[in-house]
């Protein structure tokens, strides 16, 4: 599974992660794209995407083996 796809899956199925993302960063499901999930510079969402993936793993929405 591509990183973007995994981020979207977690956001789709985890209310707590989705709320965290919107409340803390004002970033929504549609704001993520293939470039900015890997962008760790100012304005990129790489760090947020990584945290979303960690939360998805913790909540067992995705598995480590799912990630490419």
N, C-alpha and C. Protein backbone atom coordinates (compact mmCIF):
# COMPACT_ATOMS: atom_id res chain seq x y z
N UNK A 1 0.85 -1.17 0.00
CA UNK A 1 0.00 0.00 0.00
C UNK A 1 0.90 1.24 0.00
N UNK A 2 0.59 2.17 -0.86
CA UNK A 2 1.33 3.42 -0.92
C UNK A 2 1.06 4.24 0.33
N UNK A 3 1.98 5.14 0.64
CA UNK A 3 1.85 5.97 1.85
C UNK A 3 0.56 6.78 1.84
N UNK A 4 0.24 7.40 0.71
CA UNK A 4 -0.98 8.21 0.62
C UNK A 4 -2.21 7.34 0.88
N UNK A 5 -2.25 6.18 0.29
CA UNK A 5 -3.38 5.28 0.47
C UNK A 5 -3.53 4.87 1.94
N UNK A 6 -2.42 4.61 2.60
CA UNK A 6 -2.45 4.23 4.02
C UNK A 6 -2.94 5.39 4.88
N UNK A 7 -2.46 6.59 4.60
CA UNK A 7 -2.91 7.78 5.34
C UNK A 7 -4.41 7.96 5.17
N UNK A 8 -4.89 7.83 3.96
CA UNK A 8 -6.31 8.00 3.69
C UNK A 8 -7.14 6.93 4.39
N UNK A 9 -6.63 5.71 4.42
CA UNK A 9 -7.36 4.63 5.09
C UNK A 9 -7.49 4.92 6.58
N UNK A 10 -6.41 5.35 7.21
CA UNK A 10 -6.46 5.67 8.64
C UNK A 10 -7.43 6.82 8.89
N UNK A 11 -7.35 7.86 8.07
CA UNK A 11 -8.25 9.01 8.26
C UNK A 11 -9.71 8.61 8.04
N UNK A 12 -9.94 7.69 7.14
CA UNK A 12 -11.29 7.25 6.85
C UNK A 12 -11.89 6.46 8.03
N UNK A 13 -11.07 5.65 8.69
CA UNK A 13 -11.60 4.73 9.70
C UNK A 13 -11.30 5.12 11.14
N UNK A 14 -10.54 6.17 11.37
CA UNK A 14 -10.22 6.57 12.74
C UNK A 14 -10.74 7.98 13.02
N UNK A 15 -11.82 8.05 13.74
CA UNK A 15 -12.40 9.34 14.09
C UNK A 15 -11.44 10.15 14.94
N UNK A 16 -10.79 9.49 15.91
CA UNK A 16 -9.89 10.23 16.80
C UNK A 16 -8.70 10.82 16.04
N UNK A 17 -8.15 10.09 15.11
CA UNK A 17 -7.02 10.59 14.32
C UNK A 17 -7.48 11.71 13.38
N UNK A 18 -8.62 11.53 12.77
CA UNK A 18 -9.16 12.56 11.87
C UNK A 18 -9.41 13.86 12.65
N UNK A 19 -10.00 13.75 13.84
CA UNK A 19 -10.25 14.93 14.66
C UNK A 19 -8.95 15.59 15.11
N UNK A 20 -7.96 14.78 15.50
CA UNK A 20 -6.65 15.30 15.89
C UNK A 20 -6.05 16.11 14.75
N UNK A 21 -6.10 15.56 13.57
CA UNK A 21 -5.51 16.19 12.38
C UNK A 21 -6.19 17.53 12.07
N UNK A 22 -7.50 17.55 12.14
CA UNK A 22 -8.22 18.78 11.80
C UNK A 22 -8.12 19.82 12.91
N UNK A 23 -8.17 19.37 14.16
CA UNK A 23 -8.13 20.32 15.28
C UNK A 23 -6.73 20.90 15.51
N UNK A 24 -5.71 20.06 15.42
CA UNK A 24 -4.34 20.51 15.68
C UNK A 24 -3.72 21.28 14.51
N UNK A 25 -4.04 20.85 13.29
CA UNK A 25 -3.33 21.39 12.12
C UNK A 25 -4.24 21.98 11.05
N UNK A 26 -5.55 21.87 11.22
CA UNK A 26 -6.51 22.30 10.19
C UNK A 26 -6.20 21.66 8.84
N UNK A 27 -5.84 20.39 8.90
CA UNK A 27 -5.54 19.61 7.69
C UNK A 27 -6.61 18.54 7.59
N UNK A 28 -7.17 18.41 6.37
CA UNK A 28 -8.29 17.51 6.15
C UNK A 28 -7.90 16.42 5.17
N UNK A 29 -8.75 15.40 5.08
CA UNK A 29 -8.54 14.25 4.21
C UNK A 29 -8.09 14.66 2.81
N UNK A 30 -8.80 15.59 2.22
CA UNK A 30 -8.53 16.01 0.84
C UNK A 30 -7.25 16.83 0.69
N UNK A 31 -6.66 17.27 1.79
CA UNK A 31 -5.44 18.07 1.72
C UNK A 31 -4.20 17.22 1.41
N UNK A 32 -4.29 15.92 1.62
CA UNK A 32 -3.14 15.05 1.38
C UNK A 32 -3.08 14.62 -0.08
N UNK A 33 -1.87 14.67 -0.63
CA UNK A 33 -1.65 14.15 -1.98
C UNK A 33 -0.32 13.39 -2.00
N UNK A 34 0.01 12.82 -3.14
CA UNK A 34 1.20 11.96 -3.25
C UNK A 34 2.50 12.69 -2.94
N UNK A 35 2.56 13.98 -3.21
CA UNK A 35 3.79 14.73 -2.96
C UNK A 35 3.92 15.18 -1.51
N UNK A 36 2.85 15.73 -0.94
CA UNK A 36 3.02 16.34 0.37
C UNK A 36 3.09 15.33 1.52
N UNK A 37 2.70 14.06 1.31
CA UNK A 37 2.87 13.08 2.38
C UNK A 37 4.34 12.71 2.57
N UNK A 38 5.16 13.02 1.58
CA UNK A 38 6.61 12.77 1.66
C UNK A 38 7.41 14.05 1.81
N UNK A 39 6.73 15.17 1.97
CA UNK A 39 7.39 16.47 2.06
C UNK A 39 7.60 16.83 3.53
N UNK A 40 8.86 16.87 3.96
CA UNK A 40 9.18 17.15 5.36
C UNK A 40 9.67 18.60 5.55
N UNK A 41 9.54 19.42 4.53
CA UNK A 41 9.92 20.82 4.65
C UNK A 41 8.73 21.59 5.22
N UNK A 42 8.95 22.85 5.54
CA UNK A 42 7.87 23.69 6.04
C UNK A 42 6.74 23.73 5.02
N UNK A 43 5.55 23.46 5.48
CA UNK A 43 4.39 23.44 4.59
C UNK A 43 4.04 22.06 4.08
N UNK A 44 4.95 21.11 4.24
CA UNK A 44 4.68 19.73 3.83
C UNK A 44 3.98 18.98 4.95
N UNK A 45 3.42 17.84 4.60
CA UNK A 45 2.67 17.06 5.58
C UNK A 45 3.36 15.76 5.94
N UNK A 46 4.64 15.63 5.67
CA UNK A 46 5.37 14.39 5.95
C UNK A 46 5.32 13.98 7.40
N UNK A 47 5.57 14.91 8.31
CA UNK A 47 5.54 14.58 9.74
C UNK A 47 4.14 14.22 10.20
N UNK A 48 3.15 14.94 9.72
CA UNK A 48 1.76 14.65 10.08
C UNK A 48 1.36 13.28 9.53
N UNK A 49 1.74 13.01 8.28
CA UNK A 49 1.43 11.72 7.67
C UNK A 49 2.06 10.58 8.44
N UNK A 50 3.29 10.75 8.89
CA UNK A 50 3.96 9.70 9.67
C UNK A 50 3.22 9.45 10.98
N UNK A 51 2.78 10.52 11.63
CA UNK A 51 2.04 10.36 12.88
C UNK A 51 0.69 9.68 12.64
N UNK A 52 0.04 10.00 11.54
CA UNK A 52 -1.22 9.35 11.19
C UNK A 52 -0.99 7.86 11.00
N UNK A 53 0.10 7.49 10.33
CA UNK A 53 0.41 6.07 10.14
C UNK A 53 0.69 5.38 11.47
N UNK A 54 1.41 6.04 12.35
CA UNK A 54 1.69 5.46 13.68
C UNK A 54 0.38 5.23 14.44
N UNK A 55 -0.50 6.19 14.38
CA UNK A 55 -1.78 6.04 15.06
C UNK A 55 -2.60 4.92 14.43
N UNK A 56 -2.53 4.80 13.12
CA UNK A 56 -3.23 3.72 12.43
C UNK A 56 -2.69 2.35 12.81
N UNK A 57 -1.38 2.25 12.98
CA UNK A 57 -0.78 1.00 13.44
C UNK A 57 -1.22 0.69 14.87
N UNK A 58 -1.21 1.70 15.74
CA UNK A 58 -1.62 1.52 17.14
C UNK A 58 -3.08 1.07 17.25
N UNK A 59 -3.92 1.62 16.37
CA UNK A 59 -5.34 1.29 16.39
C UNK A 59 -5.66 0.04 15.56
N UNK A 60 -4.65 -0.54 14.96
CA UNK A 60 -4.76 -1.75 14.13
C UNK A 60 -5.66 -1.55 12.92
N UNK A 61 -5.64 -0.34 12.38
CA UNK A 61 -6.35 -0.06 11.14
C UNK A 61 -5.52 -0.51 9.97
N UNK A 62 -4.22 -0.32 10.08
CA UNK A 62 -3.27 -0.82 9.10
C UNK A 62 -2.24 -1.68 9.84
N UNK A 63 -1.52 -2.49 9.08
CA UNK A 63 -0.47 -3.32 9.65
C UNK A 63 0.85 -2.93 9.01
N UNK A 64 1.92 -3.18 9.74
CA UNK A 64 3.27 -2.86 9.27
C UNK A 64 3.52 -3.47 7.89
N UNK A 65 3.02 -4.68 7.68
CA UNK A 65 3.22 -5.37 6.41
C UNK A 65 2.48 -4.71 5.25
N UNK A 66 1.47 -3.89 5.54
CA UNK A 66 0.71 -3.19 4.51
C UNK A 66 1.51 -2.07 3.85
N UNK A 67 2.49 -1.54 4.58
CA UNK A 67 3.23 -0.37 4.10
C UNK A 67 4.38 -0.79 3.18
N UNK A 68 4.51 -0.07 2.07
CA UNK A 68 5.63 -0.33 1.15
C UNK A 68 6.88 0.35 1.63
